[in-house]
Amino acid sequence: MIDLRDKNTPPTLEEIGAYVQNPVFTVFCSAIKTAYQCGETIEFSSCSWEPGWNVKFKKSGKTLRTLYPKEGYFRALTAVGRREKEFAEAILPECTAELRTLYRQTPEGNGQR
């Protein structure tokens, strides 16, 4: 079993998938890679929100999604920038009440949330 807090031993995507133990993880990763024609990088983060190894999908140096693995599930962080804001806000009414509240409560910084 991998230790996501051991910054000296980076896991592979397959090891993270085995740790998550949820088939949605693998499907989600494949869908992101296909849709954006990008690859993933496994990075160690010391951030206070979720320290440990995470999976970032980047294209042209820009992080598109960051996945925070947990046992049995994972969290996906999507930054909504200036270009995406109009689209995101247009589909917001179709999202769950929890997601709408989260979006509205997230402060805007550098033109993104």
N, C-alpha and C. Protein backbone atom coordinates (compact mmCIF):
# COMPACT_ATOMS: atom_id res chain seq x y z
N MET A 1 0.85 -1.18 0.00
CA MET A 1 0.00 0.00 0.00
C MET A 1 0.89 1.23 0.00
N ILE A 2 0.50 2.22 -0.76
CA ILE A 2 1.28 3.45 -0.86
C ILE A 2 0.98 4.38 0.32
N ASP A 3 1.93 5.24 0.60
CA ASP A 3 1.76 6.26 1.63
C ASP A 3 1.76 7.61 0.92
N LEU A 4 0.60 8.23 0.82
CA LEU A 4 0.48 9.48 0.08
C LEU A 4 1.16 10.65 0.77
N ARG A 5 1.59 10.48 2.00
CA ARG A 5 2.26 11.56 2.71
C ARG A 5 3.79 11.40 2.71
N ASP A 6 4.28 10.30 2.14
CA ASP A 6 5.72 10.07 2.04
C ASP A 6 6.25 10.77 0.79
N LYS A 7 6.80 11.97 0.99
CA LYS A 7 7.23 12.77 -0.17
C LYS A 7 8.47 12.23 -0.85
N ASN A 8 9.10 11.23 -0.28
CA ASN A 8 10.30 10.66 -0.88
C ASN A 8 10.00 9.51 -1.85
N THR A 9 8.76 9.04 -1.86
CA THR A 9 8.41 7.91 -2.72
C THR A 9 7.19 8.25 -3.56
N PRO A 10 7.40 8.77 -4.77
CA PRO A 10 6.25 9.12 -5.61
C PRO A 10 5.55 7.87 -6.14
N PRO A 11 4.23 7.82 -6.02
CA PRO A 11 3.49 6.66 -6.54
C PRO A 11 3.23 6.83 -8.04
N THR A 12 2.88 5.74 -8.68
CA THR A 12 2.47 5.79 -10.08
C THR A 12 0.96 6.03 -10.13
N LEU A 13 0.45 6.35 -11.29
CA LEU A 13 -0.99 6.53 -11.46
C LEU A 13 -1.72 5.23 -11.15
N GLU A 14 -1.14 4.11 -11.54
CA GLU A 14 -1.75 2.82 -11.28
C GLU A 14 -1.81 2.54 -9.78
N GLU A 15 -0.75 2.89 -9.05
CA GLU A 15 -0.75 2.69 -7.59
C GLU A 15 -1.81 3.58 -6.92
N ILE A 16 -1.94 4.80 -7.42
CA ILE A 16 -2.96 5.69 -6.87
C ILE A 16 -4.34 5.12 -7.16
N GLY A 17 -4.55 4.60 -8.36
CA GLY A 17 -5.83 3.97 -8.71
C GLY A 17 -6.15 2.80 -7.80
N ALA A 18 -5.15 1.98 -7.50
CA ALA A 18 -5.35 0.85 -6.59
C ALA A 18 -5.66 1.33 -5.17
N TYR A 19 -5.04 2.42 -4.77
CA TYR A 19 -5.29 3.01 -3.45
C TYR A 19 -6.72 3.55 -3.36
N VAL A 20 -7.17 4.24 -4.41
CA VAL A 20 -8.51 4.82 -4.44
C VAL A 20 -9.58 3.72 -4.44
N GLN A 21 -9.31 2.61 -5.11
CA GLN A 21 -10.22 1.47 -5.16
C GLN A 21 -11.62 1.86 -5.67
N ASN A 22 -11.66 2.72 -6.66
CA ASN A 22 -12.93 3.13 -7.24
C ASN A 22 -12.74 3.22 -8.74
N PRO A 23 -13.49 2.43 -9.52
CA PRO A 23 -13.29 2.41 -10.97
C PRO A 23 -13.53 3.76 -11.64
N VAL A 24 -14.26 4.64 -10.99
CA VAL A 24 -14.50 5.97 -11.55
C VAL A 24 -13.19 6.73 -11.72
N PHE A 25 -12.23 6.48 -10.84
CA PHE A 25 -10.93 7.17 -10.90
C PHE A 25 -10.26 6.93 -12.24
N THR A 26 -10.16 5.68 -12.64
CA THR A 26 -9.50 5.33 -13.90
C THR A 26 -10.27 5.88 -15.09
N VAL A 27 -11.58 5.77 -15.06
CA VAL A 27 -12.42 6.29 -16.15
C VAL A 27 -12.26 7.81 -16.23
N PHE A 28 -12.28 8.49 -15.10
CA PHE A 28 -12.14 9.94 -15.07
C PHE A 28 -10.79 10.37 -15.64
N CYS A 29 -9.72 9.71 -15.21
CA CYS A 29 -8.38 10.04 -15.72
C CYS A 29 -8.30 9.85 -17.23
N SER A 30 -8.84 8.75 -17.73
CA SER A 30 -8.83 8.49 -19.17
C SER A 30 -9.64 9.54 -19.92
N ALA A 31 -10.78 9.92 -19.37
CA ALA A 31 -11.64 10.91 -20.03
C ALA A 31 -10.94 12.27 -20.10
N ILE A 32 -10.26 12.67 -19.05
CA ILE A 32 -9.54 13.95 -19.03
C ILE A 32 -8.42 13.92 -20.07
N LYS A 33 -7.65 12.83 -20.09
CA LYS A 33 -6.55 12.72 -21.05
C LYS A 33 -7.04 12.78 -22.49
N THR A 34 -8.15 12.11 -22.76
CA THR A 34 -8.71 12.08 -24.11
C THR A 34 -9.31 13.43 -24.49
N ALA A 35 -10.11 14.00 -23.61
CA ALA A 35 -10.79 15.26 -23.92
C ALA A 35 -9.82 16.41 -24.14
N TYR A 36 -8.77 16.47 -23.35
CA TYR A 36 -7.84 17.60 -23.41
C TYR A 36 -6.51 17.26 -24.08
N GLN A 37 -6.35 15.99 -24.47
CA GLN A 37 -5.11 15.51 -25.07
C GLN A 37 -3.91 15.96 -24.25
N CYS A 38 -3.93 15.56 -23.00
CA CYS A 38 -2.87 15.94 -22.07
C CYS A 38 -2.44 14.70 -21.28
N GLY A 39 -1.39 14.87 -20.54
CA GLY A 39 -0.93 13.80 -19.67
C GLY A 39 -1.07 14.22 -18.23
N GLU A 40 -0.74 13.29 -17.35
CA GLU A 40 -0.81 13.60 -15.93
C GLU A 40 0.58 13.73 -15.34
N THR A 41 0.68 14.47 -14.26
CA THR A 41 1.90 14.51 -13.47
C THR A 41 1.50 14.21 -12.03
N ILE A 42 2.33 13.45 -11.36
CA ILE A 42 2.11 13.13 -9.97
C ILE A 42 3.00 14.09 -9.18
N GLU A 43 2.38 14.91 -8.36
CA GLU A 43 3.14 15.93 -7.62
C GLU A 43 2.83 15.86 -6.14
N PHE A 44 3.84 16.18 -5.36
CA PHE A 44 3.64 16.25 -3.91
C PHE A 44 3.29 17.68 -3.55
N SER A 45 2.23 17.83 -2.78
CA SER A 45 1.78 19.14 -2.37
C SER A 45 1.86 19.26 -0.86
N SER A 46 2.35 20.38 -0.41
CA SER A 46 2.41 20.67 1.03
C SER A 46 1.30 21.64 1.43
N CYS A 47 0.32 21.83 0.54
CA CYS A 47 -0.74 22.79 0.83
C CYS A 47 -1.55 22.35 2.05
N SER A 48 -2.11 23.32 2.72
CA SER A 48 -2.84 23.02 3.95
C SER A 48 -4.16 22.31 3.69
N TRP A 49 -4.76 22.51 2.49
CA TRP A 49 -6.05 21.89 2.20
C TRP A 49 -5.93 20.37 2.09
N GLU A 50 -4.95 19.89 1.37
CA GLU A 50 -4.81 18.46 1.12
C GLU A 50 -3.35 18.10 0.88
N PRO A 51 -2.54 18.01 1.94
CA PRO A 51 -1.13 17.67 1.74
C PRO A 51 -0.95 16.22 1.28
N GLY A 52 0.06 15.99 0.48
CA GLY A 52 0.37 14.65 -0.01
C GLY A 52 0.45 14.61 -1.52
N TRP A 53 0.53 13.41 -2.07
CA TRP A 53 0.63 13.22 -3.52
C TRP A 53 -0.72 13.45 -4.16
N ASN A 54 -0.72 14.14 -5.29
CA ASN A 54 -1.93 14.36 -6.05
C ASN A 54 -1.62 14.19 -7.53
N VAL A 55 -2.66 14.17 -8.33
CA VAL A 55 -2.52 13.98 -9.77
C VAL A 55 -2.98 15.26 -10.45
N LYS A 56 -2.09 15.82 -11.26
CA LYS A 56 -2.44 17.04 -12.00
C LYS A 56 -2.45 16.74 -13.49
N PHE A 57 -3.47 17.27 -14.14
CA PHE A 57 -3.55 17.19 -15.60
C PHE A 57 -3.27 18.58 -16.12
N LYS A 58 -2.21 18.69 -16.91
CA LYS A 58 -1.76 19.99 -17.40
C LYS A 58 -1.70 20.00 -18.92
N LYS A 59 -1.94 21.19 -19.45
CA LYS A 59 -1.76 21.39 -20.89
C LYS A 59 -1.20 22.78 -21.08
N SER A 60 -0.13 22.87 -21.85
CA SER A 60 0.55 24.15 -22.11
C SER A 60 0.92 24.85 -20.81
N GLY A 61 1.33 24.07 -19.82
CA GLY A 61 1.77 24.64 -18.54
C GLY A 61 0.65 25.03 -17.60
N LYS A 62 -0.60 24.88 -18.04
CA LYS A 62 -1.75 25.26 -17.22
C LYS A 62 -2.37 24.01 -16.61
N THR A 63 -2.63 24.05 -15.30
CA THR A 63 -3.27 22.93 -14.64
C THR A 63 -4.76 22.96 -14.93
N LEU A 64 -5.26 21.87 -15.54
CA LEU A 64 -6.67 21.77 -15.89
C LEU A 64 -7.49 21.17 -14.75
N ARG A 65 -6.97 20.13 -14.12
CA ARG A 65 -7.64 19.45 -13.01
C ARG A 65 -6.57 18.95 -12.05
N THR A 66 -6.93 18.92 -10.79
CA THR A 66 -6.08 18.30 -9.78
C THR A 66 -6.94 17.30 -9.03
N LEU A 67 -6.44 16.07 -8.93
CA LEU A 67 -7.16 15.02 -8.22
C LEU A 67 -6.46 14.73 -6.90
N TYR A 68 -7.25 14.68 -5.85
CA TYR A 68 -6.76 14.39 -4.51
C TYR A 68 -7.27 13.01 -4.11
N PRO A 69 -6.41 11.99 -4.14
CA PRO A 69 -6.85 10.63 -3.88
C PRO A 69 -7.11 10.36 -2.40
N LYS A 70 -8.13 9.57 -2.15
CA LYS A 70 -8.51 9.09 -0.83
C LYS A 70 -8.87 7.62 -0.97
N GLU A 71 -8.94 6.91 0.14
CA GLU A 71 -9.35 5.51 0.08
C GLU A 71 -10.84 5.44 -0.24
N GLY A 72 -11.17 4.85 -1.39
CA GLY A 72 -12.55 4.68 -1.78
C GLY A 72 -13.13 5.81 -2.62
N TYR A 73 -12.44 6.93 -2.70
CA TYR A 73 -12.93 8.07 -3.49
C TYR A 73 -11.79 9.02 -3.79
N PHE A 74 -12.08 10.06 -4.56
CA PHE A 74 -11.10 11.10 -4.83
C PHE A 74 -11.84 12.42 -4.98
N ARG A 75 -11.12 13.50 -4.77
CA ARG A 75 -11.68 14.84 -4.97
C ARG A 75 -11.05 15.42 -6.23
N ALA A 76 -11.86 16.14 -6.99
CA ALA A 76 -11.37 16.77 -8.21
C ALA A 76 -11.50 18.28 -8.07
N LEU A 77 -10.40 18.98 -8.25
CA LEU A 77 -10.40 20.43 -8.20
C LEU A 77 -10.33 20.96 -9.62
N THR A 78 -11.26 21.83 -9.95
CA THR A 78 -11.29 22.47 -11.25
C THR A 78 -11.27 23.97 -11.03
N ALA A 79 -10.29 24.63 -11.58
CA ALA A 79 -10.24 26.09 -11.49
C ALA A 79 -11.07 26.67 -12.63
N VAL A 80 -11.95 27.59 -12.29
CA VAL A 80 -12.79 28.26 -13.28
C VAL A 80 -12.16 29.62 -13.53
N GLY A 81 -11.56 29.77 -14.70
CA GLY A 81 -10.89 31.02 -15.06
C GLY A 81 -11.81 31.96 -15.81
N ARG A 82 -11.24 33.06 -16.25
CA ARG A 82 -12.02 34.08 -16.98
C ARG A 82 -12.74 33.50 -18.19
N ARG A 83 -12.03 32.66 -18.94
CA ARG A 83 -12.60 32.09 -20.16
C ARG A 83 -13.72 31.09 -19.86
N GLU A 84 -13.61 30.39 -18.75
CA GLU A 84 -14.58 29.36 -18.41
C GLU A 84 -15.75 29.88 -17.60
N LYS A 85 -15.62 31.08 -17.06
CA LYS A 85 -16.60 31.61 -16.11
C LYS A 85 -18.02 31.64 -16.69
N GLU A 86 -18.18 32.16 -17.89
CA GLU A 86 -19.52 32.28 -18.48
C GLU A 86 -20.17 30.91 -18.65
N PHE A 87 -19.40 29.95 -19.15
CA PHE A 87 -19.93 28.60 -19.35
C PHE A 87 -20.28 27.97 -18.01
N ALA A 88 -19.37 28.08 -17.03
CA ALA A 88 -19.60 27.48 -15.71
C ALA A 88 -20.86 28.05 -15.06
N GLU A 89 -21.02 29.34 -15.16
CA GLU A 89 -22.18 29.97 -14.54
C GLU A 89 -23.48 29.66 -15.30
N ALA A 90 -23.37 29.37 -16.58
CA ALA A 90 -24.55 28.99 -17.36
C ALA A 90 -25.07 27.61 -16.95
N ILE A 91 -24.17 26.69 -16.61
CA ILE A 91 -24.61 25.34 -16.23
C ILE A 91 -24.82 25.20 -14.72
N LEU A 92 -24.45 26.19 -13.95
CA LEU A 92 -24.58 26.14 -12.50
C LEU A 92 -25.99 25.78 -12.03
N PRO A 93 -27.06 26.31 -12.64
CA PRO A 93 -28.41 25.94 -12.19
C PRO A 93 -28.71 24.44 -12.29
N GLU A 94 -27.99 23.73 -13.16
CA GLU A 94 -28.19 22.29 -13.31
C GLU A 94 -27.40 21.47 -12.30
N CYS A 95 -26.52 22.13 -11.55
CA CYS A 95 -25.67 21.44 -10.58
C CYS A 95 -26.39 21.29 -9.25
N THR A 96 -25.80 20.50 -8.38
CA THR A 96 -26.39 20.29 -7.06
C THR A 96 -26.35 21.59 -6.26
N ALA A 97 -27.22 21.67 -5.28
CA ALA A 97 -27.26 22.85 -4.41
C ALA A 97 -25.91 23.02 -3.70
N GLU A 98 -25.31 21.91 -3.32
CA GLU A 98 -24.01 21.95 -2.63
C GLU A 98 -22.94 22.59 -3.52
N LEU A 99 -22.92 22.19 -4.79
CA LEU A 99 -21.92 22.74 -5.72
C LEU A 99 -22.19 24.22 -6.00
N ARG A 100 -23.46 24.58 -6.16
CA ARG A 100 -23.78 26.00 -6.37
C ARG A 100 -23.33 26.85 -5.19
N THR A 101 -23.58 26.38 -3.99
CA THR A 101 -23.16 27.11 -2.78
C THR A 101 -21.65 27.20 -2.72
N LEU A 102 -20.97 26.10 -2.99
CA LEU A 102 -19.50 26.09 -2.98
C LEU A 102 -18.95 27.10 -3.98
N TYR A 103 -19.51 27.12 -5.18
CA TYR A 103 -19.05 28.06 -6.21
C TYR A 103 -19.24 29.50 -5.75
N ARG A 104 -20.42 29.80 -5.24
CA ARG A 104 -20.71 31.18 -4.81
C ARG A 104 -19.86 31.62 -3.62
N GLN A 105 -19.53 30.68 -2.74
CA GLN A 105 -18.75 31.03 -1.55
C GLN A 105 -17.25 31.07 -1.81
N THR A 106 -16.81 30.55 -2.94
CA THR A 106 -15.39 30.55 -3.27
C THR A 106 -14.98 31.94 -3.73
N PRO A 107 -14.04 32.56 -3.01
CA PRO A 107 -13.63 33.90 -3.42
C PRO A 107 -12.88 33.88 -4.76
N GLU A 108 -13.06 34.92 -5.51
CA GLU A 108 -12.38 35.04 -6.80
C GLU A 108 -10.99 35.62 -6.56
N GLY A 109 -10.00 35.05 -7.21
CA GLY A 109 -8.62 35.53 -7.10
C GLY A 109 -7.91 35.36 -8.42
N ASN A 110 -7.21 36.37 -8.84
CA ASN A 110 -6.53 36.34 -10.14
C ASN A 110 -7.48 35.99 -11.28
N GLY A 111 -8.73 36.40 -11.17
CA GLY A 111 -9.69 36.15 -12.22
C GLY A 111 -10.23 34.75 -12.28
N GLN A 112 -10.03 33.97 -11.24
CA GLN A 112 -10.54 32.59 -11.24
C GLN A 112 -11.03 32.20 -9.86
N ARG A 113 -11.84 31.12 -9.83
CA ARG A 113 -12.29 30.54 -8.57
C ARG A 113 -12.09 29.04 -8.66
